[in-house]
N, C-alpha and C. Protein backbone atom coordinates (compact mmCIF):
# COMPACT_ATOMS: atom_id res chain seq x y z
N UNK A 1 -1.34 -39.85 86.49
CA UNK A 1 -0.87 -39.15 85.31
C UNK A 1 -2.03 -38.69 84.44
N UNK A 2 -3.05 -39.52 84.34
CA UNK A 2 -4.19 -39.18 83.50
C UNK A 2 -4.91 -37.94 84.01
N UNK A 3 -4.95 -37.76 85.31
CA UNK A 3 -5.62 -36.59 85.85
C UNK A 3 -4.84 -35.32 85.55
N UNK A 4 -3.52 -35.42 85.48
CA UNK A 4 -2.72 -34.25 85.11
C UNK A 4 -3.03 -33.82 83.69
N UNK A 5 -3.12 -34.81 82.78
CA UNK A 5 -3.43 -34.51 81.39
C UNK A 5 -4.81 -33.89 81.25
N UNK A 6 -5.78 -34.49 81.96
CA UNK A 6 -7.15 -33.99 81.86
C UNK A 6 -7.26 -32.57 82.40
N UNK A 7 -6.60 -32.30 83.51
CA UNK A 7 -6.67 -30.96 84.08
C UNK A 7 -5.95 -29.96 83.17
N UNK A 8 -4.85 -30.39 82.53
CA UNK A 8 -4.13 -29.52 81.61
C UNK A 8 -5.00 -29.19 80.41
N UNK A 9 -5.70 -30.19 79.87
CA UNK A 9 -6.57 -29.98 78.71
C UNK A 9 -7.74 -29.08 79.09
N UNK A 10 -8.32 -29.30 80.28
CA UNK A 10 -9.41 -28.43 80.73
C UNK A 10 -8.94 -26.99 80.86
N UNK A 11 -7.73 -26.82 81.37
CA UNK A 11 -7.16 -25.48 81.52
C UNK A 11 -6.99 -24.84 80.14
N UNK A 12 -6.52 -25.61 79.16
CA UNK A 12 -6.35 -25.10 77.80
C UNK A 12 -7.68 -24.71 77.18
N UNK A 13 -8.71 -25.52 77.41
CA UNK A 13 -10.03 -25.25 76.85
C UNK A 13 -10.60 -23.94 77.38
N UNK A 14 -10.20 -23.55 78.58
CA UNK A 14 -10.69 -22.32 79.17
C UNK A 14 -9.96 -21.07 78.71
N UNK A 15 -8.89 -21.24 77.97
CA UNK A 15 -8.08 -20.10 77.52
C UNK A 15 -8.62 -19.54 76.21
N UNK A 16 -8.30 -18.28 75.98
CA UNK A 16 -8.68 -17.64 74.72
C UNK A 16 -7.67 -18.03 73.64
N UNK A 17 -7.99 -17.70 72.40
CA UNK A 17 -7.11 -18.03 71.27
C UNK A 17 -5.77 -17.33 71.41
N UNK A 18 -5.78 -16.07 71.80
CA UNK A 18 -4.51 -15.34 71.94
C UNK A 18 -3.66 -15.90 73.07
N UNK A 19 -4.30 -16.31 74.17
CA UNK A 19 -3.56 -16.93 75.27
C UNK A 19 -2.94 -18.24 74.82
N UNK A 20 -3.68 -19.01 74.04
CA UNK A 20 -3.16 -20.28 73.53
C UNK A 20 -1.99 -20.05 72.58
N UNK A 21 -2.09 -19.03 71.75
CA UNK A 21 -0.99 -18.72 70.82
C UNK A 21 0.27 -18.33 71.58
N UNK A 22 0.10 -17.53 72.64
CA UNK A 22 1.25 -17.14 73.46
C UNK A 22 1.86 -18.36 74.16
N UNK A 23 1.00 -19.22 74.69
CA UNK A 23 1.46 -20.43 75.36
C UNK A 23 2.18 -21.36 74.38
N UNK A 24 1.66 -21.46 73.16
CA UNK A 24 2.28 -22.28 72.13
C UNK A 24 3.67 -21.76 71.78
N UNK A 25 3.77 -20.46 71.62
CA UNK A 25 5.06 -19.85 71.30
C UNK A 25 6.07 -20.10 72.42
N UNK A 26 5.63 -19.98 73.65
CA UNK A 26 6.50 -20.22 74.80
C UNK A 26 6.95 -21.68 74.85
N UNK A 27 6.02 -22.60 74.61
CA UNK A 27 6.34 -24.03 74.63
C UNK A 27 7.30 -24.40 73.51
N UNK A 28 7.12 -23.81 72.34
CA UNK A 28 8.02 -24.08 71.22
C UNK A 28 9.42 -23.56 71.51
N UNK A 29 9.49 -22.42 72.15
CA UNK A 29 10.79 -21.85 72.52
C UNK A 29 11.50 -22.76 73.54
N UNK A 30 10.75 -23.24 74.53
CA UNK A 30 11.31 -24.15 75.52
C UNK A 30 11.78 -25.45 74.87
N UNK A 31 11.00 -25.97 73.92
CA UNK A 31 11.36 -27.19 73.21
C UNK A 31 12.65 -26.99 72.42
N UNK A 32 12.79 -25.83 71.80
CA UNK A 32 14.00 -25.51 71.05
C UNK A 32 15.23 -25.55 71.96
N UNK A 33 15.13 -24.92 73.13
CA UNK A 33 16.26 -24.89 74.05
C UNK A 33 16.56 -26.28 74.62
N UNK A 34 15.51 -27.08 74.83
CA UNK A 34 15.74 -28.45 75.28
C UNK A 34 16.48 -29.25 74.21
N UNK A 35 16.11 -29.04 72.95
CA UNK A 35 16.79 -29.74 71.86
C UNK A 35 18.26 -29.33 71.77
N UNK A 36 18.53 -28.04 71.95
CA UNK A 36 19.91 -27.56 71.90
C UNK A 36 20.73 -28.16 73.04
N UNK A 37 20.15 -28.19 74.23
CA UNK A 37 20.85 -28.78 75.37
C UNK A 37 21.13 -30.26 75.12
N UNK A 38 20.18 -30.94 74.50
CA UNK A 38 20.35 -32.36 74.22
C UNK A 38 21.46 -32.58 73.20
N UNK A 39 21.58 -31.70 72.23
CA UNK A 39 22.61 -31.83 71.20
C UNK A 39 24.02 -31.72 71.78
N UNK A 40 24.18 -30.87 72.77
CA UNK A 40 25.51 -30.70 73.37
C UNK A 40 25.69 -31.57 74.62
N UNK A 41 24.77 -32.53 74.78
CA UNK A 41 24.81 -33.49 75.88
C UNK A 41 24.75 -32.84 77.26
N UNK A 42 24.06 -31.70 77.35
CA UNK A 42 23.91 -31.02 78.63
C UNK A 42 22.56 -31.32 79.28
N UNK A 43 21.70 -32.04 78.58
CA UNK A 43 20.37 -32.34 79.08
C UNK A 43 20.39 -33.71 79.76
N UNK A 44 20.14 -33.70 81.06
CA UNK A 44 20.14 -34.95 81.83
C UNK A 44 18.80 -35.66 81.74
N UNK A 45 17.73 -34.90 81.66
CA UNK A 45 16.38 -35.46 81.65
C UNK A 45 15.83 -35.45 80.22
N UNK A 46 16.25 -36.42 79.44
CA UNK A 46 15.87 -36.43 78.02
C UNK A 46 14.38 -36.69 77.80
N UNK A 47 13.71 -37.23 78.80
CA UNK A 47 12.27 -37.47 78.67
C UNK A 47 11.49 -36.16 78.54
N UNK A 48 12.11 -35.06 78.92
CA UNK A 48 11.44 -33.76 78.82
C UNK A 48 11.17 -33.38 77.36
N UNK A 49 12.00 -33.89 76.44
CA UNK A 49 11.77 -33.61 75.02
C UNK A 49 10.42 -34.16 74.56
N UNK A 50 10.16 -35.41 74.87
CA UNK A 50 8.89 -36.03 74.47
C UNK A 50 7.71 -35.38 75.18
N UNK A 51 7.89 -35.06 76.45
CA UNK A 51 6.82 -34.42 77.22
C UNK A 51 6.46 -33.06 76.63
N UNK A 52 7.47 -32.28 76.31
CA UNK A 52 7.22 -30.94 75.75
C UNK A 52 6.60 -31.04 74.36
N UNK A 53 7.03 -32.03 73.58
CA UNK A 53 6.48 -32.23 72.24
C UNK A 53 4.99 -32.55 72.31
N UNK A 54 4.62 -33.40 73.26
CA UNK A 54 3.21 -33.76 73.45
C UNK A 54 2.40 -32.55 73.92
N UNK A 55 3.01 -31.74 74.78
CA UNK A 55 2.34 -30.53 75.26
C UNK A 55 2.05 -29.59 74.09
N UNK A 56 3.02 -29.44 73.21
CA UNK A 56 2.85 -28.58 72.02
C UNK A 56 1.72 -29.12 71.15
N UNK A 57 1.68 -30.43 70.96
CA UNK A 57 0.63 -31.04 70.14
C UNK A 57 -0.75 -30.81 70.76
N UNK A 58 -0.85 -30.92 72.07
CA UNK A 58 -2.14 -30.68 72.74
C UNK A 58 -2.59 -29.23 72.55
N UNK A 59 -1.65 -28.31 72.71
CA UNK A 59 -1.98 -26.89 72.54
C UNK A 59 -2.44 -26.63 71.11
N UNK A 60 -1.72 -27.19 70.14
CA UNK A 60 -2.09 -26.99 68.73
C UNK A 60 -3.46 -27.57 68.42
N UNK A 61 -3.77 -28.71 69.01
CA UNK A 61 -5.08 -29.33 68.78
C UNK A 61 -6.20 -28.46 69.31
N UNK A 62 -6.04 -27.97 70.53
CA UNK A 62 -7.06 -27.10 71.13
C UNK A 62 -7.17 -25.80 70.34
N UNK A 63 -6.04 -25.26 69.92
CA UNK A 63 -6.03 -24.01 69.15
C UNK A 63 -6.76 -24.19 67.81
N UNK A 64 -6.52 -25.30 67.14
CA UNK A 64 -7.20 -25.59 65.88
C UNK A 64 -8.70 -25.71 66.09
N UNK A 65 -9.09 -26.41 67.14
CA UNK A 65 -10.50 -26.57 67.46
C UNK A 65 -11.17 -25.23 67.72
N UNK A 66 -10.51 -24.39 68.52
CA UNK A 66 -11.08 -23.08 68.84
C UNK A 66 -11.14 -22.19 67.60
N UNK A 67 -10.13 -22.26 66.74
CA UNK A 67 -10.15 -21.46 65.51
C UNK A 67 -11.29 -21.89 64.59
N UNK A 68 -11.52 -23.19 64.50
CA UNK A 68 -12.63 -23.68 63.68
C UNK A 68 -13.97 -23.23 64.24
N UNK A 69 -14.10 -23.26 65.56
CA UNK A 69 -15.34 -22.81 66.20
C UNK A 69 -15.56 -21.33 65.97
N UNK A 70 -14.49 -20.55 66.04
CA UNK A 70 -14.60 -19.10 65.91
C UNK A 70 -14.86 -18.66 64.47
N UNK A 71 -14.27 -19.37 63.53
CA UNK A 71 -14.38 -18.94 62.14
C UNK A 71 -15.22 -19.87 61.28
N UNK A 72 -15.87 -20.80 61.89
CA UNK A 72 -16.65 -21.76 61.12
C UNK A 72 -15.74 -22.88 60.64
N UNK A 73 -16.31 -24.00 60.32
CA UNK A 73 -15.54 -25.16 59.90
C UNK A 73 -15.24 -25.05 58.41
N UNK A 74 -14.24 -24.24 58.06
CA UNK A 74 -13.87 -24.00 56.67
C UNK A 74 -12.91 -25.08 56.20
N UNK A 75 -13.21 -25.70 55.10
CA UNK A 75 -12.32 -26.69 54.51
C UNK A 75 -12.37 -28.06 55.16
N UNK A 76 -13.36 -28.33 55.94
CA UNK A 76 -13.53 -29.68 56.46
C UNK A 76 -12.97 -29.88 57.77
């Protein structure tokens, strides 16, 4: 499992800011639909909610890091 995470993070680090933003938007949309399915009890694999949430957090972390690198470390 750790190798999957590491390879996913390496893949994210290689992406541009716009690619990361698109990926983030797609992941958030998928998370929304997973939440809706869960609300109506149509989601059998509820662990996907936590997995997608963590994926979104990883993307946001890399995106923040890249934005700080691109625009300087403004505000700490």
